[in-house]
Amino acid sequence: MSGADVKRTAVPRTLSLALTVGRTIREVRAANEDPVARLTVALTETPYHGIDCDPVRPA
């Protein structure tokens, strides 16, 4: 895949989001902390924070 293809088809900031999630999980495991609490904090700084994506609950 060329760089132009990536720019044309990639969802903005999802690679950064994946890196943030992975880094947070790695750090939480090393510190034996609550992953949900730390991910909640880590994800507040992303553009996807607060998006309601529950497929069961009606919007």
PDB file of N, CA and C in Angstrom:
ATOM      1  N   MET A   1       0.859  -1.172   0.000  1.00  0.00           N
ATOM      2  CA  MET A   1       0.000   0.000   0.000  1.00  0.00           C
ATOM      3  C   MET A   1       0.904   1.234   0.000  1.00  0.00           C
ATOM      4  N   SER A   2       0.612   2.154  -0.865  1.00  0.00           N
ATOM      5  CA  SER A   2       1.430   3.366  -0.960  1.00  0.00           C
ATOM      6  C   SER A   2       1.003   4.380   0.103  1.00  0.00           C
ATOM      7  N   GLY A   3       1.843   5.359   0.320  1.00  0.00           N
ATOM      8  CA  GLY A   3       1.514   6.422   1.265  1.00  0.00           C
ATOM      9  C   GLY A   3       0.259   7.168   0.843  1.00  0.00           C
ATOM     10  N   ALA A   4       0.092   7.353  -0.452  1.00  0.00           N
ATOM     11  CA  ALA A   4      -1.110   8.026  -0.959  1.00  0.00           C
ATOM     12  C   ALA A   4      -2.363   7.215  -0.651  1.00  0.00           C
ATOM     13  N   ASP A   5      -2.268   5.881  -0.777  1.00  0.00           N
ATOM     14  CA  ASP A   5      -3.413   5.019  -0.449  1.00  0.00           C
ATOM     15  C   ASP A   5      -3.767   5.126   1.030  1.00  0.00           C
ATOM     16  N   VAL A   6      -2.759   5.151   1.877  1.00  0.00           N
ATOM     17  CA  VAL A   6      -3.006   5.262   3.314  1.00  0.00           C
ATOM     18  C   VAL A   6      -3.692   6.587   3.624  1.00  0.00           C
ATOM     19  N   LYS A   7      -3.178   7.660   3.080  1.00  0.00           N
ATOM     20  CA  LYS A   7      -3.790   8.974   3.322  1.00  0.00           C
ATOM     21  C   LYS A   7      -5.233   9.021   2.833  1.00  0.00           C
ATOM     22  N   ARG A   8      -5.515   8.345   1.753  1.00  0.00           N
ATOM     23  CA  ARG A   8      -6.845   8.370   1.164  1.00  0.00           C
ATOM     24  C   ARG A   8      -7.836   7.485   1.923  1.00  0.00           C
ATOM     25  N   THR A   9      -7.366   6.375   2.506  1.00  0.00           N
ATOM     26  CA  THR A   9      -8.294   5.391   3.070  1.00  0.00           C
ATOM     27  C   THR A   9      -8.267   5.259   4.584  1.00  0.00           C
ATOM     28  N   ALA A  10      -7.251   5.737   5.236  1.00  0.00           N
ATOM     29  CA  ALA A  10      -7.126   5.546   6.687  1.00  0.00           C
ATOM     30  C   ALA A  10      -8.125   6.411   7.448  1.00  0.00           C
ATOM     31  N   VAL A  11      -8.596   5.894   8.568  1.00  0.00           N
ATOM     32  CA  VAL A  11      -9.456   6.666   9.462  1.00  0.00           C
ATOM     33  C   VAL A  11      -8.537   7.528  10.325  1.00  0.00           C
ATOM     34  N   PRO A  12      -8.768   8.840  10.367  1.00  0.00           N
ATOM     35  CA  PRO A  12      -7.866   9.745  11.076  1.00  0.00           C
ATOM     36  C   PRO A  12      -7.637   9.364  12.540  1.00  0.00           C
ATOM     37  N   ARG A  13      -6.405   9.399  12.949  1.00  0.00           N
ATOM     38  CA  ARG A  13      -5.929   9.221  14.323  1.00  0.00           C
ATOM     39  C   ARG A  13      -6.139   7.830  14.914  1.00  0.00           C
ATOM     40  N   THR A  14      -6.516   6.834  14.095  1.00  0.00           N
ATOM     41  CA  THR A  14      -6.725   5.504  14.659  1.00  0.00           C
ATOM     42  C   THR A  14      -5.412   4.806  14.981  1.00  0.00           C
ATOM     43  N   LEU A  15      -4.352   5.074  14.244  1.00  0.00           N
ATOM     44  CA  LEU A  15      -3.058   4.490  14.577  1.00  0.00           C
ATOM     45  C   LEU A  15      -2.571   5.051  15.916  1.00  0.00           C
ATOM     46  N   SER A  16      -2.714   6.344  16.104  1.00  0.00           N
ATOM     47  CA  SER A  16      -2.350   6.962  17.381  1.00  0.00           C
ATOM     48  C   SER A  16      -3.201   6.396  18.515  1.00  0.00           C
ATOM     49  N   LEU A  17      -4.472   6.171  18.235  1.00  0.00           N
ATOM     50  CA  LEU A  17      -5.367   5.600  19.236  1.00  0.00           C
ATOM     51  C   LEU A  17      -4.901   4.199  19.632  1.00  0.00           C
ATOM     52  N   ALA A  18      -4.554   3.381  18.642  1.00  0.00           N
ATOM     53  CA  ALA A  18      -4.076   2.022  18.920  1.00  0.00           C
ATOM     54  C   ALA A  18      -2.784   2.053  19.734  1.00  0.00           C
ATOM     55  N   LEU A  19      -1.897   2.969  19.406  1.00  0.00           N
ATOM     56  CA  LEU A  19      -0.659   3.099  20.179  1.00  0.00           C
ATOM     57  C   LEU A  19      -0.941   3.513  21.617  1.00  0.00           C
ATOM     58  N   THR A  20      -1.871   4.433  21.805  1.00  0.00           N
ATOM     59  CA  THR A  20      -2.237   4.880  23.152  1.00  0.00           C
ATOM     60  C   THR A  20      -2.831   3.731  23.962  1.00  0.00           C
ATOM     61  N   VAL A  21      -3.730   2.979  23.369  1.00  0.00           N
ATOM     62  CA  VAL A  21      -4.352   1.846  24.066  1.00  0.00           C
ATOM     63  C   VAL A  21      -3.298   0.797  24.419  1.00  0.00           C
ATOM     64  N   GLY A  22      -2.465   0.435  23.475  1.00  0.00           N
ATOM     65  CA  GLY A  22      -1.434  -0.572  23.728  1.00  0.00           C
ATOM     66  C   GLY A  22      -0.438  -0.141  24.786  1.00  0.00           C
ATOM     67  N   ARG A  23       0.013   1.099  24.701  1.00  0.00           N
ATOM     68  CA  ARG A  23       0.966   1.626  25.682  1.00  0.00           C
ATOM     69  C   ARG A  23       0.345   1.638  27.082  1.00  0.00           C
ATOM     70  N   THR A  24      -0.913   2.069  27.160  1.00  0.00           N
ATOM     71  CA  THR A  24      -1.591   2.125  28.455  1.00  0.00           C
ATOM     72  C   THR A  24      -1.746   0.732  29.047  1.00  0.00           C
ATOM     73  N   ILE A  25      -2.161  -0.228  28.256  1.00  0.00           N
ATOM     74  CA  ILE A  25      -2.317  -1.598  28.751  1.00  0.00           C
ATOM     75  C   ILE A  25      -0.980  -2.164  29.213  1.00  0.00           C
ATOM     76  N   ARG A  26       0.075  -1.927  28.459  1.00  0.00           N
ATOM     77  CA  ARG A  26       1.399  -2.412  28.848  1.00  0.00           C
ATOM     78  C   ARG A  26       1.835  -1.809  30.192  1.00  0.00           C
ATOM     79  N   GLU A  27       1.631  -0.512  30.366  1.00  0.00           N
ATOM     80  CA  GLU A  27       2.011   0.157  31.607  1.00  0.00           C
ATOM     81  C   GLU A  27       1.170  -0.321  32.789  1.00  0.00           C
ATOM     82  N   VAL A  28      -0.129  -0.529  32.554  1.00  0.00           N
ATOM     83  CA  VAL A  28      -1.029  -0.982  33.618  1.00  0.00           C
ATOM     84  C   VAL A  28      -0.649  -2.385  34.084  1.00  0.00           C
ATOM     85  N   ARG A  29      -0.343  -3.253  33.139  1.00  0.00           N
ATOM     86  CA  ARG A  29       0.061  -4.616  33.511  1.00  0.00           C
ATOM     87  C   ARG A  29       1.343  -4.597  34.339  1.00  0.00           C
ATOM     88  N   ALA A  30       2.288  -3.762  33.944  1.00  0.00           N
ATOM     89  CA  ALA A  30       3.552  -3.686  34.676  1.00  0.00           C
ATOM     90  C   ALA A  30       3.356  -3.147  36.089  1.00  0.00           C
ATOM     91  N   ALA A  31       2.387  -2.250  36.260  1.00  0.00           N
ATOM     92  CA  ALA A  31       2.144  -1.642  37.571  1.00  0.00           C
ATOM     93  C   ALA A  31       1.048  -2.357  38.356  1.00  0.00           C
ATOM     94  N   ASN A  32       0.442  -3.393  37.771  1.00  0.00           N
ATOM     95  CA  ASN A  32      -0.634  -4.154  38.407  1.00  0.00           C
ATOM     96  C   ASN A  32      -1.774  -3.231  38.852  1.00  0.00           C
ATOM     97  N   GLU A  33      -2.223  -2.372  37.936  1.00  0.00           N
ATOM     98  CA  GLU A  33      -3.290  -1.421  38.209  1.00  0.00           C
ATOM     99  C   GLU A  33      -4.560  -1.802  37.452  1.00  0.00           C
ATOM    100  N   ASP A  34      -5.619  -1.032  37.676  1.00  0.00           N
ATOM    101  CA  ASP A  34      -6.911  -1.265  37.030  1.00  0.00           C
ATOM    102  C   ASP A  34      -6.874  -0.767  35.587  1.00  0.00           C
ATOM    103  N   PRO A  35      -6.982  -1.664  34.602  1.00  0.00           N
ATOM    104  CA  PRO A  35      -6.880  -1.238  33.203  1.00  0.00           C
ATOM    105  C   PRO A  35      -8.035  -0.349  32.752  1.00  0.00           C
ATOM    106  N   VAL A  36      -9.234  -0.604  33.229  1.00  0.00           N
ATOM    107  CA  VAL A  36     -10.388   0.186  32.802  1.00  0.00           C
ATOM    108  C   VAL A  36     -10.241   1.641  33.252  1.00  0.00           C
ATOM    109  N   ALA A  37      -9.827   1.828  34.485  1.00  0.00           N
ATOM    110  CA  ALA A  37      -9.657   3.187  34.993  1.00  0.00           C
ATOM    111  C   ALA A  37      -8.588   3.937  34.211  1.00  0.00           C
ATOM    112  N   ARG A  38      -7.470   3.288  33.958  1.00  0.00           N
ATOM    113  CA  ARG A  38      -6.384   3.950  33.224  1.00  0.00           C
ATOM    114  C   ARG A  38      -6.756   4.203  31.775  1.00  0.00           C
ATOM    115  N   LEU A  39      -7.462   3.267  31.142  1.00  0.00           N
ATOM    116  CA  LEU A  39      -7.887   3.488  29.760  1.00  0.00           C
ATOM    117  C   LEU A  39      -8.899   4.624  29.668  1.00  0.00           C
ATOM    118  N   THR A  40      -9.774   4.723  30.655  1.00  0.00           N
ATOM    119  CA  THR A  40     -10.742   5.812  30.683  1.00  0.00           C
ATOM    120  C   THR A  40     -10.028   7.158  30.682  1.00  0.00           C
ATOM    121  N   VAL A  41      -8.998   7.266  31.480  1.00  0.00           N
ATOM    122  CA  VAL A  41      -8.219   8.506  31.533  1.00  0.00           C
ATOM    123  C   VAL A  41      -7.463   8.722  30.223  1.00  0.00           C
ATOM    124  N   ALA A  42      -6.830   7.684  29.716  1.00  0.00           N
ATOM    125  CA  ALA A  42      -6.036   7.803  28.492  1.00  0.00           C
ATOM    126  C   ALA A  42      -6.906   8.193  27.291  1.00  0.00           C
ATOM    127  N   LEU A  43      -8.110   7.677  27.239  1.00  0.00           N
ATOM    128  CA  LEU A  43      -8.972   7.933  26.081  1.00  0.00           C
ATOM    129  C   LEU A  43      -9.676   9.280  26.137  1.00  0.00           C
ATOM    130  N   THR A  44      -9.674   9.947  27.282  1.00  0.00           N
ATOM    131  CA  THR A  44     -10.287  11.282  27.351  1.00  0.00           C
ATOM    132  C   THR A  44      -9.523  12.282  26.500  1.00  0.00           C
ATOM    133  N   GLU A  45      -8.281  11.980  26.193  1.00  0.00           N
ATOM    134  CA  GLU A  45      -7.455  12.889  25.407  1.00  0.00           C
ATOM    135  C   GLU A  45      -7.528  12.604  23.906  1.00  0.00           C
ATOM    136  N   THR A  46      -8.415  11.723  23.487  1.00  0.00           N
ATOM    137  CA  THR A  46      -8.532  11.377  22.069  1.00  0.00           C
ATOM    138  C   THR A  46      -9.798  11.996  21.485  1.00  0.00           C
ATOM    139  N   PRO A  47      -9.851  12.158  20.177  1.00  0.00           N
ATOM    140  CA  PRO A  47     -11.056  12.719  19.562  1.00  0.00           C
ATOM    141  C   PRO A  47     -12.251  11.768  19.615  1.00  0.00           C
ATOM    142  N   TYR A  48     -12.027  10.517  20.029  1.00  0.00           N
ATOM    143  CA  TYR A  48     -13.113   9.543  20.075  1.00  0.00           C
ATOM    144  C   TYR A  48     -13.751   9.453  21.453  1.00  0.00           C
ATOM    145  N   HIS A  49     -13.318  10.243  22.390  1.00  0.00           N
ATOM    146  CA  HIS A  49     -13.881  10.237  23.744  1.00  0.00           C
ATOM    147  C   HIS A  49     -15.330  10.725  23.691  1.00  0.00           C
ATOM    148  N   GLY A  50     -16.205  10.004  24.357  1.00  0.00           N
ATOM    149  CA  GLY A  50     -17.600  10.412  24.455  1.00  0.00           C
ATOM    150  C   GLY A  50     -18.480   9.964  23.305  1.00  0.00           C
ATOM    151  N   ILE A  51     -17.923   9.258  22.336  1.00  0.00           N
ATOM    152  CA  ILE A  51     -18.733   8.777  21.228  1.00  0.00           C
ATOM    153  C   ILE A  51     -19.557   7.585  21.713  1.00  0.00           C
ATOM    154  N   ASP A  52     -20.854   7.640  21.520  1.00  0.00           N
ATOM    155  CA  ASP A  52     -21.736   6.551  21.926  1.00  0.00           C
ATOM    156  C   ASP A  52     -21.766   5.517  20.807  1.00  0.00           C
ATOM    157  N   CYS A  53     -21.136   4.374  21.056  1.00  0.00           N
ATOM    158  CA  CYS A  53     -21.076   3.346  20.003  1.00  0.00           C
ATOM    159  C   CYS A  53     -21.660   2.027  20.488  1.00  0.00           C
ATOM    160  N   ASP A  54     -22.626   2.102  21.433  1.00  0.00           N
ATOM    161  CA  ASP A  54     -23.283   0.895  21.933  1.00  0.00           C
ATOM    162  C   ASP A  54     -24.291   0.424  20.886  1.00  0.00           C
ATOM    163  N   PRO A  55     -24.044  -0.738  20.239  1.00  0.00           N
ATOM    164  CA  PRO A  55     -24.928  -1.194  19.171  1.00  0.00           C
ATOM    165  C   PRO A  55     -26.277  -1.700  19.674  1.00  0.00           C
ATOM    166  N   VAL A  56     -26.399  -1.942  20.990  1.00  0.00           N
ATOM    167  CA  VAL A  56     -27.642  -2.503  21.538  1.00  0.00           C
ATOM    168  C   VAL A  56     -28.588  -1.396  21.969  1.00  0.00           C
ATOM    169  N   ARG A  57     -28.047  -0.371  22.590  1.00  0.00           N
ATOM    170  CA  ARG A  57     -28.870   0.709  23.118  1.00  0.00           C
ATOM    171  C   ARG A  57     -29.264   1.656  21.983  1.00  0.00           C
ATOM    172  N   PRO A  58     -30.563   1.960  21.871  1.00  0.00           N
ATOM    173  CA  PRO A  58     -30.975   2.905  20.820  1.00  0.00           C
ATOM    174  C   PRO A  58     -30.430   4.305  21.100  1.00  0.00           C
ATOM    175  N   ALA A  59     -30.107   5.019  20.045  1.00  0.00           N
ATOM    176  CA  ALA A  59     -29.554   6.376  20.189  1.00  0.00           C
ATOM    177  C   ALA A  59     -30.607   7.372  20.565  1.00  0.00           C
TER     178      ALA A  59
END
